[in-house]
Amino acid sequence: MTIVATLTDGEKLISISDGMISRANGNKVSNVLSQVQKFICFRPCVKVPSIMMGRIDGIQKSHRQEMYLAYAGNYSTVSAIASEFGSIVNSQLFAWPDDDTGKKKIYRDATLAPFRIGDLAFDDLKGHHLPLAPFGVVEAGEIIEELIYKHAGDFAFQQSQNPDVEIQLFGKGGDSMECVELSCKKLSEDSFASGSLHPRVEVTVNRVDPYRLSILGNASVKSELRAEFDDRLQKIAETAAVLEREVDELIDPNDDYKLLSSELSKAMTDVVRFTTEAIARNKDGVGGEAKVLSYHPAGGYSIAYIPQAE
């Protein structure tokens, strides 16, 4: 089992995970590794053609903002998903002008070469200077969802048991920090209706609202975190909604935004402390070296390590 807890207000973010990989051994859980990195960083690369005199004369690479994938569940299945996702966002994304959207739309092409230098491009000259369409957490989450269907279905077929995949994907999307949860725990009701040998699995996708704690992994620790923080974070979210409607942040005569920021910072600190204590218990497959990933607009991402309790 695993534990990952992530909290963002749309600007700052904090996420903490344990470092344990374990496996079921009868009625017990056996620990396998204790220092595993459960935050996997990706920086998508989009290949963009440059056009001169009606032909493609070069291909530029546009690197999008980095994003992180955190996970719980069956390690083999998650590894297959993360590996293929990395291949897709590093080498299979291409942009081409699209008149309908007024942007260079991003496409996937597994051949790695949908266009070549020297190809004719007369019909797309007018779109040469269009801005590039966004590719952030939401768009990346659609690819992850597709890969969960593929690899979790394969796992269910090969192992004759329900899949177990939980993924968080978070990073900057547009102007704000975004987080998406994806989960696959069972077969769909019509899993064999299509006639395919591989069963169809059920995948749930949730966009995580600011000020809501996103948690993966061990059900017992999840329940503890929910009981400790859900009501508190709900009050912070309600206060933030009121301030957004009624108070100009640039003026803020009563320092309401400053107080809100202080409350959120304390909540983030407490989430890390509470989860660290749960990890230190080293029980039910949760344990090992804790990692704390944080993001602040002024300093970007950083990761801190908390050694395993002796």
Protein backbone atom coordinates (compact mmCIF):
# COMPACT_ATOMS: atom_id res chain seq x y z
CA MET A 1 0.00 0.00 0.00
CA THR A 2 0.92 3.66 -0.23
CA ILE A 3 -0.14 7.08 0.94
CA VAL A 4 -0.04 10.30 -1.09
CA ALA A 5 -1.76 13.48 0.11
CA THR A 6 -1.89 16.63 -2.05
CA LEU A 7 -3.33 20.08 -1.37
CA THR A 8 -3.38 23.22 -3.53
CA ASP A 9 -5.13 26.56 -3.50
CA GLY A 10 -4.59 27.06 -7.23
CA GLU A 11 -1.29 28.89 -6.67
CA LYS A 12 0.75 26.99 -4.09
CA LEU A 13 0.86 23.20 -3.69
CA ILE A 14 2.09 20.69 -1.15
CA SER A 15 2.20 16.92 -1.63
CA ILE A 16 3.62 14.21 0.61
CA SER A 17 4.14 10.52 -0.09
CA ASP A 18 5.69 7.57 1.68
CA GLY A 19 8.48 5.57 0.05
CA MET A 20 7.19 2.04 0.51
CA ILE A 21 6.43 -0.56 -2.13
CA SER A 22 4.77 -3.65 -0.66
CA ARG A 23 2.92 -6.75 -1.79
CA ALA A 24 0.27 -9.01 -0.34
CA ASN A 25 1.59 -12.19 1.22
CA GLY A 26 -1.41 -14.22 2.29
CA ASN A 27 -3.18 -12.22 4.99
CA LYS A 28 -0.10 -10.10 5.60
CA VAL A 29 1.64 -7.28 3.76
CA SER A 30 5.32 -7.72 2.93
CA ASN A 31 7.47 -4.65 2.42
CA VAL A 32 9.66 -4.78 -0.70
CA LEU A 33 11.31 -1.34 -1.09
CA SER A 34 11.31 1.63 1.29
CA GLN A 35 12.90 4.54 -0.64
CA VAL A 36 10.84 4.67 -3.83
CA GLN A 37 10.26 8.02 -5.52
CA LYS A 38 6.50 8.31 -6.06
CA PHE A 39 6.60 11.72 -7.75
CA ILE A 40 7.41 11.27 -11.45
CA CYS A 41 8.16 14.48 -13.34
CA PHE A 42 7.21 15.03 -16.98
CA ARG A 43 7.78 18.05 -19.19
CA PRO A 44 5.77 17.57 -22.40
CA CYS A 45 7.46 18.51 -25.66
CA VAL A 46 5.42 19.60 -28.69
CA LYS A 47 7.00 19.57 -32.14
CA VAL A 48 5.95 22.64 -34.15
CA PRO A 49 6.71 23.03 -37.89
CA SER A 50 8.01 26.35 -39.22
CA ILE A 51 6.84 27.20 -42.73
CA MET A 52 8.68 29.19 -45.38
CA MET A 53 7.58 29.77 -48.99
CA GLY A 54 4.93 27.06 -48.90
CA ARG A 55 7.10 24.32 -47.45
CA ILE A 56 8.09 23.09 -43.99
CA ASP A 57 11.64 24.32 -43.51
CA GLY A 58 12.20 23.31 -39.89
CA ILE A 59 10.71 21.73 -36.78
CA GLN A 60 10.90 23.53 -33.47
CA LYS A 61 10.40 21.98 -30.03
CA SER A 62 8.11 23.75 -27.58
CA HIS A 63 8.47 22.49 -24.01
CA ARG A 64 5.33 22.90 -21.92
CA GLN A 65 5.26 23.37 -18.15
CA GLU A 66 6.36 20.44 -16.03
CA MET A 67 3.80 18.25 -14.31
CA TYR A 68 3.99 15.46 -11.76
CA LEU A 69 2.39 12.04 -11.57
CA ALA A 70 1.93 10.43 -8.15
CA TYR A 71 0.53 6.94 -7.73
CA ALA A 72 -0.75 4.10 -5.61
CA GLY A 73 -1.85 0.58 -6.46
CA ASN A 74 -0.26 -2.19 -8.49
CA TYR A 75 3.31 -1.11 -9.20
CA SER A 76 3.67 -3.03 -12.49
CA THR A 77 0.52 -1.53 -13.96
CA VAL A 78 1.39 2.01 -12.86
CA SER A 79 4.91 1.61 -14.24
CA ALA A 80 3.55 0.58 -17.65
CA ILE A 81 1.20 3.58 -17.66
CA ALA A 82 3.91 6.05 -16.63
CA SER A 83 6.41 4.66 -19.13
CA GLU A 84 4.06 4.91 -22.10
CA PHE A 85 2.81 8.32 -20.98
CA GLY A 86 6.40 9.57 -20.90
CA SER A 87 6.99 8.29 -24.42
CA ILE A 88 3.86 10.01 -25.69
CA VAL A 89 4.46 13.44 -24.15
CA ASN A 90 8.15 13.43 -25.04
CA SER A 91 7.97 12.34 -28.67
CA GLN A 92 4.44 11.96 -30.04
CA LEU A 93 2.93 15.45 -29.70
CA PHE A 94 2.76 17.66 -32.80
CA ALA A 95 1.11 21.01 -33.54
CA TRP A 96 -0.60 22.18 -36.72
CA PRO A 97 -2.63 25.33 -37.43
CA ASP A 98 -6.37 24.93 -36.93
CA ASP A 99 -8.67 27.60 -38.37
CA ASP A 100 -11.64 26.58 -36.23
CA THR A 101 -9.88 27.18 -32.91
CA GLY A 102 -7.57 29.96 -34.10
CA LYS A 103 -4.62 28.12 -32.53
CA LYS A 104 -2.05 25.53 -33.41
CA LYS A 105 -3.87 22.40 -32.30
CA ILE A 106 -1.90 19.61 -30.62
CA TYR A 107 -2.16 16.13 -32.12
CA ARG A 108 -0.67 12.75 -31.31
CA ASP A 109 1.05 10.62 -33.93
CA ALA A 110 2.69 7.36 -32.93
CA THR A 111 4.73 7.25 -36.17
CA LEU A 112 6.79 10.15 -34.73
CA ALA A 113 6.85 11.80 -38.19
CA PRO A 114 3.49 13.24 -39.32
CA PHE A 115 5.37 15.80 -41.39
CA ARG A 116 8.88 16.18 -42.79
CA ILE A 117 11.12 19.07 -43.70
CA GLY A 118 10.38 19.92 -47.32
CA ASP A 119 6.70 18.89 -47.23
CA LEU A 120 4.32 21.27 -49.00
CA ALA A 121 2.30 23.46 -46.64
CA PHE A 122 0.47 25.93 -48.90
CA ASP A 123 -2.93 25.53 -47.22
CA ASP A 124 -1.60 26.34 -43.77
CA LEU A 125 0.46 29.45 -44.41
CA LYS A 126 -2.16 31.71 -42.83
CA GLY A 127 -1.98 29.76 -39.59
CA HIS A 128 1.79 29.85 -39.30
CA HIS A 129 1.78 32.49 -36.55
CA LEU A 130 -1.20 31.20 -34.55
CA PRO A 131 -0.57 30.62 -30.81
CA LEU A 132 -0.05 27.09 -29.56
CA ALA A 133 -3.08 25.45 -27.93
CA PRO A 134 -2.68 24.61 -24.23
CA PHE A 135 -1.42 21.24 -23.09
CA GLY A 136 -1.69 21.00 -19.32
CA VAL A 137 -2.91 18.67 -16.63
CA VAL A 138 -6.43 18.27 -18.03
CA GLU A 139 -5.19 17.39 -21.52
CA ALA A 140 -2.52 15.07 -20.12
CA GLY A 141 -5.13 13.45 -17.88
CA GLU A 142 -7.08 12.38 -20.97
CA ILE A 143 -4.02 10.46 -22.16
CA ILE A 144 -3.53 8.89 -18.73
CA GLU A 145 -7.19 7.80 -18.73
CA GLU A 146 -6.71 6.09 -22.10
CA LEU A 147 -3.60 4.31 -20.83
CA ILE A 148 -5.36 3.13 -17.67
CA TYR A 149 -8.04 1.48 -19.80
CA LYS A 150 -5.31 -0.24 -21.81
CA HIS A 151 -2.95 -1.44 -19.08
CA ALA A 152 -5.43 -2.04 -16.25
CA GLY A 153 -7.55 -4.10 -18.66
CA ASP A 154 -4.47 -6.11 -19.62
CA PHE A 155 -3.66 -6.66 -15.93
CA ALA A 156 -7.21 -7.87 -15.23
CA PHE A 157 -6.99 -10.29 -18.14
CA GLN A 158 -3.53 -11.64 -17.28
CA GLN A 159 -4.08 -11.93 -13.52
CA SER A 160 -7.81 -12.76 -13.48
CA GLN A 161 -8.39 -10.18 -10.76
CA ASN A 162 -9.58 -6.61 -10.39
CA PRO A 163 -7.12 -3.85 -11.30
CA ASP A 164 -5.73 -1.49 -8.70
CA VAL A 165 -4.59 1.88 -10.04
CA GLU A 166 -4.74 5.32 -8.40
CA ILE A 167 -3.04 8.31 -10.00
CA GLN A 168 -2.76 12.01 -9.24
CA LEU A 169 -1.59 14.32 -12.00
CA PHE A 170 -0.81 17.89 -10.99
CA GLY A 171 0.96 20.94 -12.35
CA LYS A 172 0.33 24.35 -13.86
CA GLY A 173 -2.64 24.46 -16.23
CA GLY A 174 -3.04 27.87 -17.82
CA ASP A 175 -2.62 30.39 -15.01
CA SER A 176 -3.33 28.13 -12.04
CA MET A 177 -2.18 24.93 -10.37
CA GLU A 178 -4.44 21.99 -11.27
CA CYS A 179 -4.84 18.46 -9.95
CA VAL A 180 -6.67 15.50 -11.50
CA GLU A 181 -7.40 12.16 -9.81
CA LEU A 182 -7.81 8.96 -11.81
CA SER A 183 -8.78 5.64 -10.28
CA CYS A 184 -9.44 2.11 -11.56
CA LYS A 185 -10.48 -0.56 -9.08
CA LYS A 186 -12.89 -2.88 -10.90
CA LEU A 187 -14.26 -4.17 -14.18
CA SER A 188 -17.11 -2.33 -15.86
CA GLU A 189 -20.54 -3.93 -15.89
CA ASP A 190 -20.27 -4.55 -19.64
CA SER A 191 -16.64 -5.62 -19.46
CA PHE A 192 -16.98 -8.36 -22.09
CA ALA A 193 -19.90 -6.94 -24.08
CA SER A 194 -17.68 -5.80 -26.96
CA GLY A 195 -16.43 -9.34 -27.57
CA SER A 196 -12.84 -8.37 -26.77
CA LEU A 197 -10.65 -10.90 -25.01
CA HIS A 198 -9.44 -8.15 -22.67
CA PRO A 199 -12.10 -7.05 -20.17
CA ARG A 200 -13.15 -3.40 -20.04
CA VAL A 201 -12.37 -1.70 -16.76
CA GLU A 202 -14.12 1.17 -14.99
CA VAL A 203 -12.09 4.37 -14.70
CA THR A 204 -13.16 7.40 -12.65
CA VAL A 205 -11.70 10.85 -13.28
CA ASN A 206 -12.09 13.83 -10.93
CA ARG A 207 -10.75 17.35 -11.21
CA VAL A 208 -9.72 18.31 -7.69
CA ASP A 209 -11.01 21.68 -6.55
CA PRO A 210 -8.68 24.12 -4.78
CA TYR A 211 -8.60 23.66 -0.99
CA ARG A 212 -9.70 20.00 -1.29
CA LEU A 213 -7.33 17.32 -0.08
CA SER A 214 -6.56 14.67 -2.71
CA ILE A 215 -5.50 11.33 -1.19
CA LEU A 216 -4.30 8.08 -2.72
CA GLY A 217 -3.54 4.73 -1.15
CA ASN A 218 -4.18 3.15 2.23
CA ALA A 219 -7.87 3.31 3.13
CA SER A 220 -7.27 3.60 6.88
CA VAL A 221 -4.87 6.55 6.57
CA LYS A 222 -7.22 8.13 4.01
CA SER A 223 -10.04 8.01 6.56
CA GLU A 224 -7.82 9.55 9.24
CA LEU A 225 -6.82 12.41 6.94
CA ARG A 226 -10.40 13.03 5.87
CA ALA A 227 -11.61 13.13 9.48
CA GLU A 228 -8.80 15.48 10.47
CA PHE A 229 -8.88 17.96 7.57
CA ASP A 230 -12.03 17.86 5.41
CA ASP A 231 -14.19 20.15 7.58
CA ARG A 232 -11.31 22.53 8.20
CA LEU A 233 -10.47 22.82 4.50
CA GLN A 234 -14.14 23.24 3.60
CA LYS A 235 -14.30 26.32 5.83
CA ILE A 236 -11.16 27.73 4.19
CA ALA A 237 -12.69 27.09 0.73
CA GLU A 238 -15.92 28.86 1.74
CA THR A 239 -13.97 31.86 3.05
CA ALA A 240 -11.96 32.02 -0.18
CA ALA A 241 -15.16 31.97 -2.25
CA VAL A 242 -16.63 34.86 -0.25
CA LEU A 243 -13.45 36.93 -0.55
CA GLU A 244 -13.26 36.34 -4.29
CA ARG A 245 -16.80 37.71 -4.69
CA GLU A 246 -16.66 40.60 -2.25
CA VAL A 247 -13.09 41.79 -1.56
CA ASP A 248 -10.51 43.28 -3.93
CA GLU A 249 -7.28 41.41 -3.18
CA LEU A 250 -5.18 44.42 -4.21
CA ILE A 251 -6.90 46.60 -1.59
CA ASP A 252 -7.85 44.09 1.14
CA PRO A 253 -8.47 46.69 3.88
CA ASN A 254 -8.92 44.15 6.69
CA ASP A 255 -6.09 41.82 5.65
CA ASP A 256 -8.63 39.09 4.92
CA TYR A 257 -6.51 37.55 2.19
CA LYS A 258 -3.46 37.60 4.43
CA LEU A 259 -5.41 35.74 7.13
CA LEU A 260 -6.68 33.23 4.55
CA SER A 261 -3.13 32.62 3.32
CA SER A 262 -1.97 32.09 6.89
CA GLU A 263 -4.76 29.58 7.55
CA LEU A 264 -3.93 27.66 4.38
CA SER A 265 -0.19 27.61 5.14
CA LYS A 266 -0.91 26.20 8.59
CA ALA A 267 -3.23 23.58 7.10
CA MET A 268 -0.54 22.55 4.60
CA THR A 269 2.01 22.25 7.40
CA ASP A 270 -0.40 20.16 9.45
CA VAL A 271 -1.17 17.84 6.51
CA VAL A 272 2.55 17.14 6.14
CA ARG A 273 3.00 16.60 9.90
CA PHE A 274 -0.05 14.33 10.22
CA THR A 275 0.89 12.23 7.16
CA THR A 276 4.52 12.00 8.28
CA GLU A 277 3.35 10.56 11.58
CA ALA A 278 1.23 7.97 9.75
CA ILE A 279 4.23 7.02 7.58
CA ALA A 280 6.47 6.72 10.64
CA ARG A 281 4.17 4.03 12.06
CA ASN A 282 5.46 1.77 9.24
CA LYS A 283 2.27 -0.26 9.23
CA ASP A 284 0.06 -1.94 6.59
CA GLY A 285 2.42 -1.17 3.73
CA VAL A 286 2.73 2.55 4.52
CA GLY A 287 6.21 3.59 5.58
CA GLY A 288 9.74 4.15 4.43
CA GLU A 289 11.30 7.45 3.43
CA ALA A 290 8.77 10.27 3.11
CA LYS A 291 9.01 12.82 0.30
CA VAL A 292 7.48 16.28 0.41
CA LEU A 293 7.02 18.03 -2.93
CA SER A 294 6.05 21.70 -2.85
CA TYR A 295 5.39 24.43 -5.37
CA HIS A 296 5.43 28.18 -4.87
CA PRO A 297 5.07 30.73 -7.70
CA ALA A 298 8.19 32.55 -6.52
CA GLY A 299 10.46 29.51 -6.35
CA GLY A 300 8.98 26.70 -8.44
CA TYR A 301 9.08 23.07 -7.38
CA SER A 302 11.22 21.54 -4.64
CA ILE A 303 11.40 18.12 -2.98
CA ALA A 304 12.44 17.46 0.60
CA TYR A 305 13.21 14.03 2.07
CA ILE A 306 12.28 12.77 5.54
CA PRO A 307 14.37 9.69 6.44
CA GLN A 308 12.65 6.50 7.53
CA ALA A 309 12.11 6.31 11.27
CA GLU A 310 14.39 3.77 12.91
